[in-house]
Protein backbone atom coordinates (compact mmCIF):
# COMPACT_ATOMS: atom_id res chain seq x y z
CA MET A 1 -72.77 -3.80 116.93
CA PRO A 2 -70.06 -6.15 115.40
CA LYS A 3 -70.32 -7.28 111.95
CA SER A 4 -70.94 -10.65 111.09
CA LEU A 5 -68.76 -12.96 109.22
CA PRO A 6 -69.79 -14.21 105.42
CA ALA A 7 -70.87 -17.83 105.59
CA LEU A 8 -67.94 -20.45 104.14
CA ARG A 9 -68.63 -22.04 101.11
CA ILE A 10 -67.04 -25.41 101.28
CA ILE A 11 -65.51 -26.56 98.39
CA PRO A 12 -65.00 -29.65 97.23
CA HIS A 13 -61.07 -31.14 96.95
CA PRO A 14 -60.68 -31.15 92.99
CA SER A 15 -59.29 -34.64 93.67
CA SER A 16 -62.55 -35.89 95.25
CA LEU A 17 -64.18 -34.87 91.36
CA ILE A 18 -61.74 -37.30 89.90
CA PRO A 19 -64.55 -40.43 89.68
CA LEU A 20 -67.21 -38.03 88.18
CA GLU A 21 -64.74 -36.82 85.61
CA ILE A 22 -63.77 -40.25 85.13
CA GLU A 23 -67.21 -41.56 84.56
CA THR A 24 -68.25 -38.55 82.34
CA LEU A 25 -65.56 -38.93 80.08
CA ASP A 26 -66.18 -43.13 79.52
CA GLU A 27 -69.82 -42.60 78.85
CA GLN A 28 -68.83 -40.06 75.98
CA ARG A 29 -66.26 -42.75 74.71
CA LYS A 30 -68.94 -44.99 74.64
CA GLU A 31 -71.02 -42.59 72.45
CA ILE A 32 -68.66 -41.72 70.12
CA ASP A 33 -67.54 -45.91 69.88
CA ASP A 34 -71.27 -46.12 69.26
CA THR A 35 -71.71 -43.83 66.41
CA ILE A 36 -68.60 -45.38 64.73
CA ASP A 37 -69.92 -48.82 65.24
CA LEU A 38 -73.10 -47.34 63.76
CA THR A 39 -71.20 -45.47 60.71
CA LEU A 40 -69.31 -48.29 59.75
CA LYS A 41 -72.49 -51.11 59.69
CA SER A 42 -73.81 -48.43 57.35
CA SER A 43 -71.88 -48.92 54.45
CA PRO A 44 -71.50 -51.86 53.22
CA ILE A 45 -67.74 -51.63 51.52
CA TRP A 46 -66.82 -50.00 55.32
CA ARG A 47 -68.70 -52.72 56.74
CA THR A 48 -66.94 -55.26 54.67
CA GLN A 49 -63.69 -53.86 55.51
CA ASP A 50 -64.35 -54.15 58.77
CA GLU A 51 -64.88 -57.52 58.97
CA LEU A 52 -62.36 -58.67 57.00
CA LEU A 53 -59.79 -56.56 59.30
CA GLN A 54 -61.09 -58.23 62.42
CA SER A 55 -60.69 -61.96 60.97
CA PHE A 56 -57.44 -60.99 61.26
CA LYS A 57 -55.66 -62.17 64.74
CA GLY A 58 -54.36 -58.73 67.05
CA ILE A 59 -57.03 -57.06 64.93
CA GLY A 60 -60.50 -55.63 66.97
CA PRO A 61 -63.09 -53.08 66.71
CA ALA A 62 -60.93 -49.98 67.08
CA THR A 63 -58.06 -50.77 65.37
CA ALA A 64 -60.02 -51.73 62.66
CA SER A 65 -62.15 -48.52 62.61
CA ALA A 66 -59.27 -46.92 63.23
CA LEU A 67 -57.47 -48.33 59.83
CA ILE A 68 -60.91 -47.70 58.12
CA ALA A 69 -60.47 -44.30 59.01
CA ALA A 70 -57.01 -43.39 58.67
CA LEU A 71 -57.01 -45.11 55.18
CA PRO A 72 -59.71 -45.08 53.33
CA GLU A 73 -56.82 -46.50 50.29
CA LEU A 74 -57.22 -49.97 51.90
CA GLY A 75 -57.92 -52.39 49.58
CA ARG A 76 -58.06 -50.70 46.69
CA VAL A 77 -53.58 -49.74 46.42
CA ASN A 78 -50.94 -52.54 46.57
CA ARG A 79 -48.93 -52.30 50.09
CA ARG A 80 -46.08 -50.64 48.28
CA GLU A 81 -48.32 -47.42 47.59
CA ILE A 82 -49.93 -48.25 51.58
CA ALA A 83 -46.17 -48.10 52.76
CA SER A 84 -45.76 -44.53 50.92
CA LEU A 85 -48.52 -43.26 52.35
CA ALA A 86 -46.50 -43.63 56.14
């Protein structure tokens, strides 16, 4: 009696998974953005720095939060000291 062939498993092509990966990454990015926003708003000092930075043309929430995270000295040292950090 001949043996039957095993059932074939159909594996989706990797390119069909890309939209799902993009959706997952977008959800994760939103969660991170929300966490950063809540953290900035929870501190009066950070909230003030955020508002001041965003008052400048071209500085939005992403740039302001990046500057606050990368340069905690911002607002406490002069421009030369800030420049020396680069």
